[in-house]
């Protein structure tokens, strides 16, 4: 029976999660548009990542801590870009 290297699986999952929002950052920055981005989703995901970070700190898991610090940082950047480029005209929904 083949033994699974779970640390490798966790590391690959962490890499994918850490940089999952980077393409969105580039797209928002390039187009200066957030029309198709849900702030509610960003906020919810950011809180979830922050809670995963706290959990990683609690159990002292380096992979969880590093992955979620980087993921949290990229989400803060996305949320900042969202707030910068949102259209705040009368009649348009921000969320």
Protein backbone atom coordinates (compact mmCIF):
# COMPACT_ATOMS: atom_id res chain seq x y z
CA UNK A 1 0.00 0.00 0.00
CA UNK A 2 1.30 3.48 -0.92
CA UNK A 3 1.82 5.86 1.98
CA UNK A 4 0.60 9.43 1.44
CA UNK A 5 2.98 12.28 2.29
CA UNK A 6 0.47 14.52 4.09
CA UNK A 7 2.97 17.32 4.69
CA UNK A 8 3.47 17.54 0.91
CA UNK A 9 -0.30 17.56 0.38
CA UNK A 10 -0.65 20.32 2.98
CA UNK A 11 2.15 22.33 1.41
CA UNK A 12 0.64 22.11 -2.09
CA UNK A 13 -2.79 23.05 -0.71
CA UNK A 14 -1.20 25.98 1.12
CA UNK A 15 0.55 27.21 -2.03
CA UNK A 16 -2.66 27.08 -4.05
CA UNK A 17 -4.60 28.88 -1.32
CA UNK A 18 -1.92 31.49 -0.63
CA UNK A 19 -1.81 32.68 -4.19
CA UNK A 20 -5.42 31.98 -5.20
CA UNK A 21 -6.41 35.65 -5.19
CA UNK A 22 -3.29 36.99 -6.93
CA UNK A 23 -4.88 36.72 -10.42
CA UNK A 24 -7.85 38.72 -9.08
CA UNK A 25 -5.48 41.39 -7.75
CA UNK A 26 -3.85 41.74 -11.17
CA UNK A 27 -7.22 41.84 -12.94
CA UNK A 28 -8.66 44.50 -10.63
CA UNK A 29 -5.49 46.59 -10.84
CA UNK A 30 -5.31 46.28 -14.65
CA UNK A 31 -8.99 46.99 -15.34
CA UNK A 32 -9.63 49.30 -12.36
CA UNK A 33 -12.97 47.51 -12.07
CA UNK A 34 -14.55 45.37 -9.39
CA UNK A 35 -17.95 45.05 -11.03
CA UNK A 36 -17.96 41.24 -10.91
CA UNK A 37 -16.42 40.91 -7.46
CA UNK A 38 -18.56 40.36 -4.37
CA UNK A 39 -17.35 42.30 -1.35
CA UNK A 40 -19.44 40.02 0.87
CA UNK A 41 -17.55 36.98 -0.46
CA UNK A 42 -14.19 38.74 0.07
CA UNK A 43 -15.12 39.73 3.61
CA UNK A 44 -16.41 36.25 4.48
CA UNK A 45 -13.33 34.57 3.03
CA UNK A 46 -11.01 37.01 4.83
CA UNK A 47 -12.64 36.25 8.18
CA UNK A 48 -12.40 32.50 7.45
CA UNK A 49 -8.70 32.76 6.60
CA UNK A 50 -8.10 34.81 9.75
CA UNK A 51 -9.80 32.13 11.84
CA UNK A 52 -7.67 29.44 10.16
CA UNK A 53 -4.61 31.55 11.06
CA UNK A 54 -5.69 31.68 14.70
CA UNK A 55 -6.26 27.93 14.65
CA UNK A 56 -2.81 27.35 13.12
CA UNK A 57 -1.23 29.50 15.82
CA UNK A 58 -3.15 27.60 18.50
CA UNK A 59 -1.98 24.18 17.27
CA UNK A 60 1.45 25.58 16.28
CA UNK A 61 1.25 24.33 12.70
CA UNK A 62 3.81 26.18 10.59
CA UNK A 63 2.14 25.36 7.27
CA UNK A 64 -1.22 26.71 8.44
CA UNK A 65 0.36 29.81 9.92
CA UNK A 66 2.45 30.78 6.88
CA UNK A 67 -0.26 29.92 4.36
CA UNK A 68 -2.90 31.90 6.18
CA UNK A 69 -0.70 34.94 6.86
CA UNK A 70 0.01 35.18 3.12
CA UNK A 71 -3.61 34.42 2.16
CA UNK A 72 -4.90 37.00 4.66
CA UNK A 73 -2.48 39.59 3.27
CA UNK A 74 -3.55 38.99 -0.34
CA UNK A 75 -7.20 39.23 0.68
CA UNK A 76 -6.58 42.53 2.46
CA UNK A 77 -4.99 43.81 -0.78
CA UNK A 78 -8.01 42.63 -2.81
CA UNK A 79 -10.41 44.27 -0.36
CA UNK A 80 -8.40 47.50 -0.50
CA UNK A 81 -8.52 47.48 -4.30
CA UNK A 82 -12.24 46.74 -4.14
CA UNK A 83 -12.83 49.77 -1.95
CA UNK A 84 -10.61 51.91 -4.17
CA UNK A 85 -12.25 50.97 -7.48
CA UNK A 86 -15.88 50.40 -6.51
CA UNK A 87 -18.43 52.62 -8.15
CA UNK A 88 -20.27 54.52 -5.48
CA UNK A 89 -22.95 56.20 -7.58
CA UNK A 90 -26.53 56.67 -6.49
CA UNK A 91 -28.54 53.56 -7.32
CA UNK A 92 -25.54 51.21 -7.62
CA UNK A 93 -25.09 48.52 -5.02
CA UNK A 94 -21.69 48.36 -3.35
CA UNK A 95 -22.09 44.71 -2.41
